[in-house]
Protein backbone atom coordinates (compact mmCIF):
# COMPACT_ATOMS: atom_id res chain seq x y z
CA MET A 1 8.11 -14.12 -6.98
CA HIS A 2 6.15 -15.73 -9.26
CA ASP A 3 5.74 -19.62 -8.80
CA TRP A 4 6.85 -18.87 -5.28
CA ILE A 5 4.41 -20.67 -2.56
CA LEU A 6 2.88 -19.30 0.18
CA VAL A 7 3.31 -21.79 3.04
CA ASP A 8 1.09 -19.78 5.90
CA ILE A 9 -0.18 -16.31 7.18
CA THR A 10 0.34 -15.32 10.83
CA TYR A 11 -1.24 -12.62 12.35
CA LYS A 12 -0.93 -11.04 15.62
CA TRP A 13 -3.51 -8.82 17.13
CA GLU A 14 -1.98 -8.25 20.73
CA ASP A 15 1.22 -6.78 19.50
CA GLY A 16 -0.19 -3.99 17.45
CA GLY A 17 -1.40 -5.93 14.49
CA SER A 18 1.65 -7.58 12.99
CA CYS A 19 1.55 -10.06 10.21
CA LYS A 20 4.07 -12.35 8.72
CA PHE A 21 3.82 -14.44 5.30
CA SER A 22 5.84 -17.26 5.04
CA LEU A 23 6.98 -18.28 1.74
CA ARG A 24 9.42 -20.74 -0.21
CA ASP A 25 11.07 -19.70 -3.49
CA ARG A 26 12.01 -21.78 -6.56
CA ASN A 27 14.75 -23.28 -4.83
CA SER A 28 12.76 -23.98 -1.71
CA ASN A 29 14.33 -21.04 0.57
CA SER A 30 12.34 -19.82 3.33
CA LEU A 31 11.37 -16.05 2.80
CA TYR A 32 9.15 -13.85 4.62
CA ILE A 33 6.71 -10.64 4.03
CA GLU A 34 6.31 -8.92 7.04
CA ALA A 35 4.01 -5.98 8.29
CA ARG A 36 3.91 -3.98 11.13
CA LYS A 37 0.69 -2.19 12.33
CA VAL A 38 -1.35 -3.67 10.22
CA SER A 39 -4.95 -2.07 9.78
CA GLU A 40 -6.52 -4.19 7.17
CA LEU A 41 -5.96 -7.94 5.76
CA ILE A 42 -7.98 -9.70 3.51
CA ILE A 43 -7.42 -13.19 2.68
CA PRO A 44 -10.32 -14.43 0.11
CA ARG A 45 -9.89 -18.05 -0.55
CA ASN A 46 -12.67 -18.72 -3.59
CA GLU A 47 -10.20 -19.98 -5.98
CA ASP A 48 -11.96 -19.11 -9.34
CA TRP A 49 -8.86 -20.26 -11.05
CA GLY A 50 -8.60 -23.62 -9.18
CA PRO A 51 -6.81 -24.67 -5.96
CA SER A 52 -3.11 -23.43 -5.95
CA SER A 53 -0.82 -22.31 -3.36
CA SER A 54 1.55 -20.38 -5.67
CA ILE A 55 1.98 -16.62 -6.10
CA ASN A 56 1.24 -15.49 -9.79
CA LYS A 57 2.03 -11.80 -9.20
CA VAL A 58 2.94 -9.15 -6.45
CA ARG A 59 1.75 -5.26 -6.40
CA ASP A 60 2.94 -2.88 -3.98
CA SER A 61 3.39 0.43 -5.83
CA PHE A 62 0.83 2.32 -4.00
CA GLN A 63 -0.25 3.95 -0.48
CA ASN A 64 -3.82 4.58 0.50
CA ILE A 65 -5.41 6.60 3.57
CA LYS A 66 -4.77 3.03 5.72
CA GLY A 67 -0.99 3.13 5.08
CA LYS A 68 1.02 1.16 2.45
CA ARG A 69 -0.76 -1.66 0.43
CA LEU A 70 0.46 -4.96 -0.73
CA GLU A 71 -1.54 -7.28 -3.30
CA ILE A 72 -0.67 -10.85 -3.58
CA GLU A 73 -2.56 -12.52 -6.53
CA MET A 74 -2.55 -15.99 -6.05
CA GLN A 75 -2.43 -18.69 -8.96
CA SER A 76 -5.99 -19.55 -7.59
CA GLY A 77 -7.13 -16.18 -8.78
CA ASP A 78 -7.77 -14.87 -5.28
CA VAL A 79 -6.07 -11.41 -4.41
CA ILE A 80 -4.68 -11.22 -0.81
CA VAL A 81 -4.58 -7.50 0.38
CA ILE A 82 -2.59 -6.18 3.40
CA CYS A 83 -2.30 -2.45 4.49
CA ALA A 84 0.27 -1.71 7.21
CA ASP A 85 2.49 1.37 8.20
CA GLU A 86 5.42 -0.74 7.46
CA ILE A 87 5.92 -3.62 5.14
CA ASP A 88 9.31 -5.68 4.42
CA ILE A 89 9.60 -7.79 1.46
CA PRO A 90 12.29 -9.84 -0.22
CA ASP A 91 14.03 -8.89 -3.19
CA SER A 92 12.42 -10.27 -6.25
CA HIS A 93 12.23 -9.44 -9.76
CA GLY A 94 8.35 -10.29 -9.74
CA ILE A 95 7.51 -7.30 -7.41
CA SER A 96 6.68 -4.10 -9.18
CA ASN A 97 8.95 -0.96 -8.60
CA SER A 98 11.20 -2.92 -6.24
CA SER A 99 14.87 -2.10 -5.95
CA ASN A 100 17.89 -4.20 -6.16
CA THR A 101 18.68 -4.77 -2.44
CA LYS A 102 18.16 -7.73 -0.21
CA SER A 103 14.90 -6.54 1.12
CA LYS A 104 12.55 -3.48 0.67
CA LEU A 105 11.04 -1.67 3.62
CA LEU A 106 7.72 0.28 2.55
CA SER A 107 7.33 3.02 5.08
């Protein structure tokens, strides 16, 4: 996912806390990270490394008391954090511990 673009983030409170991250890969294909039963969403925008909409790296390798945890480190230096019961992520060589399937469901 390195150098993929984060286009937008949509959070739906009413349907039990679902979240969708709209992304574009290096070939401008639209891809999505989708989470259900979101218990926590942290979206800082301090831009300590300068402004950027590009992803540096993604970490999805652990679970905490609030469910699955996904961290998206932006090339701005900001780290977006989401905790949810289920998280679907697109397959990419840039994701830690990902399988070689089309998508990965963390549940």
